[in-house]
Amino acid sequence: MDGNATYVYCILHGAGPPRTARVPHGLSGATRPSIAAVTRSLSLVTATVPLDSYGPGPLETALQDMHWVADVAIAHEAVVEHFARQAGITVIPMKLFTMFSSDARAIEETRSRGRDLEAVAKRIAGCEEWAVRITRRAAPSGRRTGRKAKPQSGAAFLTAKKEARDAARAAVQAAAESAQHAFVTLASIARDARRRDDVPEGATTPPLLDAAFLVPATGRARFKAAVRKLAAASAKAGAQMTLSGPWPSYNFVQQGGRS
């Protein structure tokens, strides 16, 4: 497939021109990232990609290769994070494989959404995204002594089974309540919060909490301190909390919010 397309890494909002020195190379086979002005405050970070690699047909085939997709995602993210680290610039990250037929088409489409993009930039300005996941810890298996248990009466056996079932149900409830408390507490610190309810691919059981938080950079220390305290409480309730970030605000470029 002959020809090229315009790949868009992100949209930049700021009064001054972004710095392109030492910008990562970006996607394999693409030209180096460059800046395309859209309005006085908005610009695009773009690259030219060959359609014989990134056109609809070749891309559909390439997407079956998870190692290739991971390499592309890492290269994409490196470019986005390069600009996210620059002071005075708000980065609106684009999804992987956001492409247009030409620079002119990308600029035209972005300009048509100028008002909405200004609102997005205002909402996420000065913030960073943090991800929190809480999962239930597997219950420890009982020790085997090698001795056979003494025969129980039918009533005693049923009572023991009920007590074990009630204890398991109480443990699940405690972990779920701990996760909900963590979400509410962290959401009160963040500017915005998004909770995922879909089960991640490959997961055998859904996490108790899988959420993203839009946190002002000035509130990072307070947010992380709250996470540490909540992680300890989650552990006591039989759950494990993990924190990752900061990331560009991928989950907050669309309208929506706390749930």
Protein backbone atom coordinates (compact mmCIF):
# COMPACT_ATOMS: atom_id res chain seq x y z
CA MET A 1 0.00 0.00 0.00
CA ASP A 2 1.56 3.27 -1.15
CA GLY A 3 1.23 6.65 0.53
CA ASN A 4 1.42 8.12 4.00
CA ALA A 5 -0.84 9.22 6.82
CA THR A 6 -0.55 11.72 9.64
CA TYR A 7 -0.22 10.15 13.09
CA VAL A 8 -1.23 12.31 16.09
CA TYR A 9 0.38 11.68 19.47
CA CYS A 10 -1.27 14.42 21.45
CA ILE A 11 -2.73 17.92 21.48
CA LEU A 12 -0.86 20.66 23.30
CA HIS A 13 -2.39 23.69 24.99
CA GLY A 14 -0.19 26.58 26.07
CA ALA A 15 0.73 30.18 25.42
CA GLY A 16 4.31 29.48 24.33
CA PRO A 17 5.80 27.13 21.74
CA PRO A 18 6.69 23.63 23.02
CA ARG A 19 10.30 22.49 23.00
CA THR A 20 11.11 19.74 20.54
CA ALA A 21 14.77 19.27 21.48
CA ARG A 22 15.50 15.67 22.53
CA VAL A 23 11.98 14.51 21.72
CA PRO A 24 11.89 10.69 21.44
CA HIS A 25 11.85 9.25 17.94
CA GLY A 26 8.37 7.79 18.34
CA LEU A 27 6.83 4.99 16.30
CA SER A 28 8.94 2.65 14.24
CA GLY A 29 8.97 3.69 10.58
CA ALA A 30 7.56 7.15 11.34
CA THR A 31 9.23 10.51 10.86
CA ARG A 32 10.37 12.29 13.99
CA PRO A 33 7.55 14.04 15.90
CA SER A 34 6.90 17.62 14.82
CA ILE A 35 4.58 20.45 15.88
CA ALA A 36 1.62 21.59 13.78
CA ALA A 37 -0.04 24.82 14.92
CA VAL A 38 -3.85 24.78 15.09
CA THR A 39 -4.80 28.00 16.94
CA ARG A 40 -2.92 30.48 19.09
CA SER A 41 -3.16 28.12 22.06
CA LEU A 42 -3.58 24.68 20.48
CA SER A 43 -1.08 22.61 18.50
CA LEU A 44 -0.62 19.00 17.46
CA VAL A 45 2.31 16.64 17.89
CA THR A 46 2.34 14.66 14.65
CA ALA A 47 4.45 12.33 12.53
CA THR A 48 4.18 10.90 9.05
CA VAL A 49 3.66 7.12 8.94
CA PRO A 50 3.74 4.82 5.89
CA LEU A 51 0.45 3.19 4.96
CA ASP A 52 2.21 -0.04 4.07
CA SER A 53 2.77 -0.44 7.82
CA TYR A 54 -0.04 1.60 9.37
CA GLY A 55 -2.78 1.41 6.74
CA PRO A 56 -6.05 -0.41 7.57
CA GLY A 57 -5.02 -3.80 6.14
CA PRO A 58 -1.44 -4.01 7.46
CA LEU A 59 -2.49 -2.57 10.81
CA GLU A 60 -5.27 -5.12 11.26
CA THR A 61 -2.70 -7.88 10.79
CA ALA A 62 -0.08 -6.21 12.98
CA LEU A 63 -2.54 -5.82 15.86
CA GLN A 64 -2.47 -9.59 16.31
CA ASP A 65 1.16 -9.29 17.43
CA MET A 66 0.99 -8.19 21.06
CA HIS A 67 4.75 -7.59 21.23
CA TRP A 68 4.52 -5.17 18.31
CA VAL A 69 1.54 -3.40 19.85
CA ALA A 70 3.40 -3.08 23.17
CA ASP A 71 6.42 -1.57 21.41
CA VAL A 72 4.19 0.95 19.63
CA ALA A 73 2.42 1.83 22.89
CA ILE A 74 5.73 2.45 24.65
CA ALA A 75 6.98 4.64 21.80
CA HIS A 76 3.71 6.58 21.73
CA GLU A 77 3.76 7.11 25.49
CA ALA A 78 7.39 8.29 25.45
CA VAL A 79 6.49 11.14 23.09
CA VAL A 80 3.40 12.13 25.10
CA GLU A 81 5.30 12.13 28.39
CA HIS A 82 8.13 14.22 26.87
CA PHE A 83 5.71 17.10 26.35
CA ALA A 84 3.80 16.44 29.58
CA ARG A 85 7.00 17.21 31.51
CA GLN A 86 7.27 20.72 30.03
CA ALA A 87 6.12 23.56 32.26
CA GLY A 88 3.31 25.74 31.00
CA ILE A 89 1.92 23.11 28.64
CA THR A 90 -1.20 21.00 29.12
CA VAL A 91 -1.16 17.74 27.18
CA ILE A 92 -4.32 16.12 25.85
CA PRO A 93 -3.12 12.61 24.95
CA MET A 94 -4.55 10.84 21.92
CA LYS A 95 -5.45 7.17 21.77
CA LEU A 96 -3.05 4.78 20.12
CA PHE A 97 -3.28 4.81 16.30
CA THR A 98 -5.07 8.15 15.98
CA MET A 99 -4.44 8.98 12.31
CA PHE A 100 -5.64 11.33 9.57
CA SER A 101 -5.17 11.37 5.83
CA SER A 102 -2.99 14.50 6.00
CA ASP A 103 -1.68 17.24 8.27
CA ALA A 104 -4.30 19.60 6.85
CA ARG A 105 -7.11 17.18 7.74
CA ALA A 106 -5.76 16.71 11.27
CA ILE A 107 -5.54 20.47 11.79
CA GLU A 108 -9.02 21.06 10.35
CA GLU A 109 -10.60 18.40 12.58
CA THR A 110 -8.83 19.70 15.68
CA ARG A 111 -9.78 23.31 14.93
CA SER A 112 -13.44 22.30 14.58
CA ARG A 113 -13.30 20.95 18.15
CA GLY A 114 -11.47 23.97 19.51
CA ARG A 115 -14.06 25.00 22.09
CA ASP A 116 -14.37 21.50 23.54
CA LEU A 117 -10.58 21.07 23.60
CA GLU A 118 -10.15 24.36 25.45
CA ALA A 119 -12.58 23.05 28.08
CA VAL A 120 -10.68 19.76 28.37
CA ALA A 121 -7.37 21.58 28.76
CA LYS A 122 -8.84 23.76 31.49
CA ARG A 123 -10.17 20.70 33.33
CA ILE A 124 -6.89 18.76 33.36
CA ALA A 125 -4.42 21.66 33.59
CA GLY A 126 -1.83 21.21 36.33
CA CYS A 127 -2.96 17.65 37.02
CA GLU A 128 -1.61 14.15 36.59
CA GLU A 129 -3.35 10.80 36.46
CA TRP A 130 -2.83 8.11 39.09
CA ALA A 131 -4.22 4.58 38.92
CA VAL A 132 -5.32 2.58 41.96
CA ARG A 133 -6.26 -1.09 41.93
CA ILE A 134 -7.49 -3.14 44.88
CA THR A 135 -7.77 -6.92 44.71
CA ARG A 136 -8.73 -9.54 47.26
CA ARG A 137 -5.85 -11.58 48.66
CA ALA A 138 -6.25 -15.31 48.31
CA ALA A 139 -7.31 -16.93 51.56
CA PRO A 140 -4.50 -19.02 53.09
CA SER A 141 -5.07 -22.73 52.73
CA GLY A 142 -5.49 -24.68 55.91
CA ARG A 143 -2.64 -26.82 57.17
CA ARG A 144 -2.92 -30.53 56.84
CA THR A 145 -1.86 -32.43 59.92
CA GLY A 146 -2.07 -35.89 58.36
CA ARG A 147 -4.58 -36.96 61.03
CA LYS A 148 -8.13 -37.78 60.16
CA ALA A 149 -10.73 -35.56 61.77
CA LYS A 150 -12.94 -37.16 64.34
CA PRO A 151 -16.38 -38.04 63.08
CA GLN A 152 -18.89 -35.24 63.64
CA SER A 153 -22.58 -35.44 64.16
CA GLY A 154 -24.74 -34.20 61.31
CA ALA A 155 -25.75 -31.11 63.30
CA ALA A 156 -22.15 -30.26 64.22
CA PHE A 157 -21.04 -30.68 60.63
CA LEU A 158 -23.76 -28.36 59.33
CA THR A 159 -22.96 -25.79 62.02
CA ALA A 160 -19.26 -25.81 61.10
CA LYS A 161 -20.11 -25.43 57.42
CA LYS A 162 -22.39 -22.47 58.16
CA GLU A 163 -19.75 -20.78 60.30
CA ALA A 164 -17.14 -21.18 57.55
CA ARG A 165 -19.57 -19.83 54.96
CA ASP A 166 -20.51 -16.86 57.15
CA ALA A 167 -16.83 -16.08 57.82
CA ALA A 168 -16.03 -16.17 54.10
CA ARG A 169 -18.99 -13.91 53.33
CA ALA A 170 -17.93 -11.47 56.04
CA ALA A 171 -14.37 -11.37 54.67
CA VAL A 172 -15.64 -10.58 51.18
CA GLN A 173 -17.89 -7.83 52.55
CA ALA A 174 -15.08 -6.30 54.59
CA ALA A 175 -12.76 -6.18 51.57
CA ALA A 176 -15.48 -4.65 49.37
CA GLU A 177 -16.30 -1.98 51.96
CA SER A 178 -12.59 -1.19 52.30
CA ALA A 179 -12.33 -0.67 48.53
CA GLN A 180 -15.37 1.58 48.42
CA HIS A 181 -14.02 3.64 51.32
CA ALA A 182 -10.70 3.99 49.49
CA PHE A 183 -12.42 5.24 46.33
CA VAL A 184 -14.54 7.80 48.17
CA THR A 185 -11.58 9.05 50.19
CA LEU A 186 -9.22 9.40 47.21
CA ALA A 187 -11.95 10.94 45.03
CA SER A 188 -12.41 13.66 47.66
CA ILE A 189 -8.73 14.59 47.26
CA ALA A 190 -8.65 14.38 43.46
CA ARG A 191 -10.13 16.86 41.01
CA ASP A 192 -11.93 14.03 39.24
CA ALA A 193 -12.15 10.24 39.42
CA ARG A 194 -13.12 7.50 37.00
CA ARG A 195 -13.98 3.96 38.04
CA ARG A 196 -13.69 1.02 35.66
CA ASP A 197 -16.31 -1.69 36.01
CA ASP A 198 -15.17 -3.95 33.17
CA VAL A 199 -13.01 -6.97 33.97
CA PRO A 200 -9.43 -6.61 32.66
CA GLU A 201 -8.51 -9.17 29.99
CA GLY A 202 -7.01 -12.29 31.52
CA ALA A 203 -8.31 -11.59 35.03
CA THR A 204 -9.82 -14.60 36.78
CA THR A 205 -11.75 -12.43 39.24
CA PRO A 206 -12.64 -8.75 38.90
CA PRO A 207 -10.70 -6.30 41.08
CA LEU A 208 -12.57 -4.72 43.97
CA LEU A 209 -11.48 -1.34 42.65
CA ASP A 210 -9.89 -0.29 39.38
CA ALA A 211 -9.92 3.50 39.22
CA ALA A 212 -8.09 6.52 37.84
CA PHE A 213 -7.75 9.79 39.73
CA LEU A 214 -7.02 13.23 38.31
CA VAL A 215 -4.75 14.76 40.95
CA PRO A 216 -3.37 18.31 40.99
CA ALA A 217 0.42 18.08 40.91
CA THR A 218 0.51 20.28 43.99
CA GLY A 219 -1.56 17.66 45.85
CA ARG A 220 0.59 14.67 44.92
CA ALA A 221 2.13 14.27 48.38
CA ARG A 222 -1.26 14.39 50.10
CA PHE A 223 -2.72 11.87 47.65
CA LYS A 224 0.15 9.40 48.05
CA ALA A 225 0.02 9.74 51.85
CA ALA A 226 -3.68 8.87 51.75
CA VAL A 227 -2.94 5.87 49.52
CA ARG A 228 -0.38 4.54 52.00
CA LYS A 229 -2.87 4.82 54.86
CA LEU A 230 -5.64 3.21 52.85
CA ALA A 231 -3.32 0.42 51.68
CA ALA A 232 -2.68 -0.51 55.30
CA ALA A 233 -6.42 -0.54 56.01
CA SER A 234 -7.05 -2.64 52.90
CA ALA A 235 -4.44 -5.18 54.00
CA LYS A 236 -6.22 -5.59 57.34
CA ALA A 237 -9.46 -6.18 55.42
CA GLY A 238 -7.84 -8.91 53.32
CA ALA A 239 -7.17 -6.85 50.20
CA GLN A 240 -4.11 -5.54 48.39
CA MET A 241 -3.80 -2.03 46.92
CA THR A 242 -1.43 -1.05 44.12
CA LEU A 243 -0.68 2.47 42.89
CA SER A 244 0.81 3.47 39.54
CA GLY A 245 1.58 6.83 37.95
CA PRO A 246 1.81 9.61 37.33
CA TRP A 247 0.48 9.34 33.79
CA PRO A 248 -0.84 11.80 31.22
CA SER A 249 -4.58 12.25 31.73
CA TYR A 250 -5.84 9.63 29.24
CA ASN A 251 -8.95 8.84 31.26
CA PHE A 252 -10.07 12.44 31.68
CA VAL A 253 -10.14 13.86 28.17
CA GLN A 254 -13.82 12.94 27.81
CA GLN A 255 -16.74 14.32 29.79
CA GLY A 256 -17.91 12.12 32.64
CA GLY A 257 -16.82 11.71 36.19
CA ARG A 258 -17.07 10.23 39.63
CA SER A 259 -19.14 7.12 40.08
